[in-house]
Amino acid sequence: MKKKLLTTLIMMIFLINFLPAQEKANDEYIEAMTTSDINQKAQKLKAWVDKYGGTGAQYENFAYATLATLPYQGKTPQETIQYGEKALEIGGLDDSTKTQVLIHVASVYIDQGSNLDKAA
């Protein structure tokens, strides 16, 4: 009985400490996505990915997908491929977003003339 109580207490402490960090990540993601200027949106999303990428943040896959499909200034084909493949690797995208990412990444591969098998 004591082990069960101790385990429950430790799990509660862990969850309580985790929730504020997740909430902050969500708030920063929402702030980035509601920015109307495309270049600022991309800049904020890149900062968000640098800060929360790889941490299992709730919207990580959508941040990568948005960066892959967003037509911001200075975007390179490699960025489209990198962000798109990362979004697809993480998974959890809705069908519409996944289709957009696949189309963008495939078109970049075709434009580059490299690895047409991968584009298909």
C-alpha atoms as a PDB file:
ATOM      1  CA  MET A   1       0.000   0.000   0.000  1.00  0.00           C
ATOM      2  CA  LYS A   2       2.841   2.385   0.851  1.00  0.00           C
ATOM      3  CA  LYS A   3       4.578   1.646  -2.474  1.00  0.00           C
ATOM      4  CA  LYS A   4       1.401   2.420  -4.388  1.00  0.00           C
ATOM      5  CA  LEU A   5       0.907   5.691  -2.528  1.00  0.00           C
ATOM      6  CA  LEU A   6       4.543   6.689  -3.026  1.00  0.00           C
ATOM      7  CA  THR A   7       4.398   5.845  -6.748  1.00  0.00           C
ATOM      8  CA  THR A   8       1.207   7.863  -7.171  1.00  0.00           C
ATOM      9  CA  LEU A   9       2.742  10.824  -5.350  1.00  0.00           C
ATOM     10  CA  ILE A  10       5.874  10.749  -7.521  1.00  0.00           C
ATOM     11  CA  MET A  11       3.774  10.568 -10.702  1.00  0.00           C
ATOM     12  CA  MET A  12       1.666  13.533  -9.570  1.00  0.00           C
ATOM     13  CA  ILE A  13       4.782  15.613  -8.885  1.00  0.00           C
ATOM     14  CA  PHE A  14       6.170  14.721 -12.321  1.00  0.00           C
ATOM     15  CA  LEU A  15       2.910  15.642 -14.074  1.00  0.00           C
ATOM     16  CA  ILE A  16       2.545  18.893 -12.184  1.00  0.00           C
ATOM     17  CA  ASN A  17       6.055  19.929 -13.229  1.00  0.00           C
ATOM     18  CA  PHE A  18       5.481  18.880 -16.856  1.00  0.00           C
ATOM     19  CA  LEU A  19       2.167  20.682 -17.465  1.00  0.00           C
ATOM     20  CA  PRO A  20       3.384  24.304 -17.208  1.00  0.00           C
ATOM     21  CA  ALA A  21       6.183  23.619 -19.719  1.00  0.00           C
ATOM     22  CA  GLN A  22       3.720  22.039 -22.154  1.00  0.00           C
ATOM     23  CA  GLU A  23       1.318  24.950 -21.708  1.00  0.00           C
ATOM     24  CA  LYS A  24       4.116  27.444 -22.427  1.00  0.00           C
ATOM     25  CA  ALA A  25       5.072  25.537 -25.588  1.00  0.00           C
ATOM     26  CA  ASN A  26       1.441  25.554 -26.725  1.00  0.00           C
ATOM     27  CA  ASP A  27       1.091  29.285 -26.042  1.00  0.00           C
ATOM     28  CA  GLU A  28       4.246  30.076 -28.012  1.00  0.00           C
ATOM     29  CA  TYR A  29       3.071  27.870 -30.891  1.00  0.00           C
ATOM     30  CA  ILE A  30      -0.314  29.614 -30.992  1.00  0.00           C
ATOM     31  CA  GLU A  31       1.396  33.000 -30.920  1.00  0.00           C
ATOM     32  CA  ALA A  32       3.580  31.998 -33.878  1.00  0.00           C
ATOM     33  CA  MET A  33       0.661  30.599 -35.877  1.00  0.00           C
ATOM     34  CA  THR A  34      -1.514  33.683 -35.352  1.00  0.00           C
ATOM     35  CA  THR A  35       1.156  36.040 -36.669  1.00  0.00           C
ATOM     36  CA  SER A  36      -0.143  37.541 -39.892  1.00  0.00           C
ATOM     37  CA  ASP A  37       3.187  38.320 -41.567  1.00  0.00           C
ATOM     38  CA  ILE A  38       4.502  35.184 -43.274  1.00  0.00           C
ATOM     39  CA  ASN A  39       8.170  35.975 -42.650  1.00  0.00           C
ATOM     40  CA  GLN A  40       7.586  36.683 -38.963  1.00  0.00           C
ATOM     41  CA  LYS A  41       5.508  33.511 -38.686  1.00  0.00           C
ATOM     42  CA  ALA A  42       8.369  31.491 -40.171  1.00  0.00           C
ATOM     43  CA  GLN A  43      10.883  33.165 -37.867  1.00  0.00           C
ATOM     44  CA  LYS A  44       8.755  32.440 -34.785  1.00  0.00           C
ATOM     45  CA  LEU A  45       8.133  28.854 -35.851  1.00  0.00           C
ATOM     46  CA  LYS A  46      11.852  28.288 -36.429  1.00  0.00           C
ATOM     47  CA  ALA A  47      12.551  29.661 -32.949  1.00  0.00           C
ATOM     48  CA  TRP A  48       9.806  27.407 -31.558  1.00  0.00           C
ATOM     49  CA  VAL A  49      11.275  24.354 -33.304  1.00  0.00           C
ATOM     50  CA  ASP A  50      14.753  25.206 -32.025  1.00  0.00           C
ATOM     51  CA  LYS A  51      13.406  25.466 -28.489  1.00  0.00           C
ATOM     52  CA  TYR A  52      10.854  22.626 -28.386  1.00  0.00           C
ATOM     53  CA  GLY A  53      11.842  20.361 -31.294  1.00  0.00           C
ATOM     54  CA  GLY A  54      12.497  16.807 -30.197  1.00  0.00           C
ATOM     55  CA  THR A  55      10.814  17.277 -26.828  1.00  0.00           C
ATOM     56  CA  GLY A  56       7.541  15.665 -27.830  1.00  0.00           C
ATOM     57  CA  ALA A  57       5.684  18.976 -27.809  1.00  0.00           C
ATOM     58  CA  GLN A  58       2.066  18.653 -28.854  1.00  0.00           C
ATOM     59  CA  TYR A  59       2.267  20.668 -32.083  1.00  0.00           C
ATOM     60  CA  GLU A  60       5.781  19.765 -33.175  1.00  0.00           C
ATOM     61  CA  ASN A  61       4.593  17.887 -36.263  1.00  0.00           C
ATOM     62  CA  PHE A  62       2.399  20.799 -37.378  1.00  0.00           C
ATOM     63  CA  ALA A  63       5.204  23.315 -36.815  1.00  0.00           C
ATOM     64  CA  TYR A  64       7.464  21.326 -39.156  1.00  0.00           C
ATOM     65  CA  ALA A  65       4.629  20.892 -41.672  1.00  0.00           C
ATOM     66  CA  THR A  66       3.901  24.619 -41.672  1.00  0.00           C
ATOM     67  CA  LEU A  67       7.568  25.469 -42.199  1.00  0.00           C
ATOM     68  CA  ALA A  68       7.684  22.996 -45.104  1.00  0.00           C
ATOM     69  CA  THR A  69       4.652  24.501 -46.865  1.00  0.00           C
ATOM     70  CA  LEU A  70       4.941  28.197 -45.937  1.00  0.00           C
ATOM     71  CA  PRO A  71       6.358  30.356 -48.773  1.00  0.00           C
ATOM     72  CA  TYR A  72       8.568  32.674 -46.714  1.00  0.00           C
ATOM     73  CA  GLN A  73      11.496  34.757 -47.981  1.00  0.00           C
ATOM     74  CA  GLY A  74      14.869  33.081 -48.154  1.00  0.00           C
ATOM     75  CA  LYS A  75      13.467  29.565 -47.947  1.00  0.00           C
ATOM     76  CA  THR A  76      15.747  27.016 -49.552  1.00  0.00           C
ATOM     77  CA  PRO A  77      14.697  23.741 -51.180  1.00  0.00           C
ATOM     78  CA  GLN A  78      16.706  21.924 -48.514  1.00  0.00           C
ATOM     79  CA  GLU A  79      14.602  23.550 -45.783  1.00  0.00           C
ATOM     80  CA  THR A  80      11.413  22.363 -47.475  1.00  0.00           C
ATOM     81  CA  ILE A  81      12.768  18.821 -47.645  1.00  0.00           C
ATOM     82  CA  GLN A  82      14.163  18.887 -44.104  1.00  0.00           C
ATOM     83  CA  TYR A  83      11.031  20.266 -42.453  1.00  0.00           C
ATOM     84  CA  GLY A  84       8.687  18.177 -44.593  1.00  0.00           C
ATOM     85  CA  GLU A  85      10.447  14.911 -43.918  1.00  0.00           C
ATOM     86  CA  LYS A  86      10.618  15.672 -40.199  1.00  0.00           C
ATOM     87  CA  ALA A  87       6.859  16.369 -40.120  1.00  0.00           C
ATOM     88  CA  LEU A  88       6.135  13.111 -41.932  1.00  0.00           C
ATOM     89  CA  GLU A  89       8.552  11.195 -39.692  1.00  0.00           C
ATOM     90  CA  ILE A  90       6.832  12.379 -36.526  1.00  0.00           C
ATOM     91  CA  GLY A  91       3.399  11.558 -37.972  1.00  0.00           C
ATOM     92  CA  GLY A  92       0.044  12.481 -36.502  1.00  0.00           C
ATOM     93  CA  LEU A  93      -0.826  14.975 -39.258  1.00  0.00           C
ATOM     94  CA  ASP A  94      -4.358  15.220 -40.572  1.00  0.00           C
ATOM     95  CA  ASP A  95      -4.875  14.020 -44.148  1.00  0.00           C
ATOM     96  CA  SER A  96      -5.036  17.506 -45.657  1.00  0.00           C
ATOM     97  CA  THR A  97      -1.804  18.695 -44.049  1.00  0.00           C
ATOM     98  CA  LYS A  98      -0.018  15.446 -44.844  1.00  0.00           C
ATOM     99  CA  THR A  99      -1.052  15.744 -48.506  1.00  0.00           C
ATOM    100  CA  GLN A 100       0.198  19.335 -48.700  1.00  0.00           C
ATOM    101  CA  VAL A 101       3.553  18.358 -47.202  1.00  0.00           C
ATOM    102  CA  LEU A 102       3.904  15.391 -49.562  1.00  0.00           C
ATOM    103  CA  ILE A 103       3.135  17.584 -52.593  1.00  0.00           C
ATOM    104  CA  HIS A 104       5.614  20.284 -51.551  1.00  0.00           C
ATOM    105  CA  VAL A 105       8.431  17.859 -50.791  1.00  0.00           C
ATOM    106  CA  ALA A 106       7.835  15.850 -53.968  1.00  0.00           C
ATOM    107  CA  SER A 107       7.796  19.010 -56.107  1.00  0.00           C
ATOM    108  CA  VAL A 108      11.111  20.139 -54.636  1.00  0.00           C
ATOM    109  CA  TYR A 109      12.653  16.740 -55.375  1.00  0.00           C
ATOM    110  CA  ILE A 110      11.338  16.915 -58.950  1.00  0.00           C
ATOM    111  CA  ASP A 111      12.572  20.501 -59.423  1.00  0.00           C
ATOM    112  CA  GLN A 112      16.018  19.451 -58.252  1.00  0.00           C
ATOM    113  CA  GLY A 113      15.978  16.504 -60.616  1.00  0.00           C
ATOM    114  CA  SER A 114      17.405  14.330 -57.905  1.00  0.00           C
ATOM    115  CA  ASN A 115      16.038  11.152 -56.431  1.00  0.00           C
ATOM    116  CA  LEU A 116      12.856  10.857 -58.474  1.00  0.00           C
ATOM    117  CA  ASP A 117      12.102   7.592 -56.692  1.00  0.00           C
ATOM    118  CA  LYS A 118      11.887   9.496 -53.434  1.00  0.00           C
ATOM    119  CA  ALA A 119       9.624  12.150 -55.033  1.00  0.00           C
ATOM    120  CA  ALA A 120       7.259   9.402 -56.164  1.00  0.00           C
END
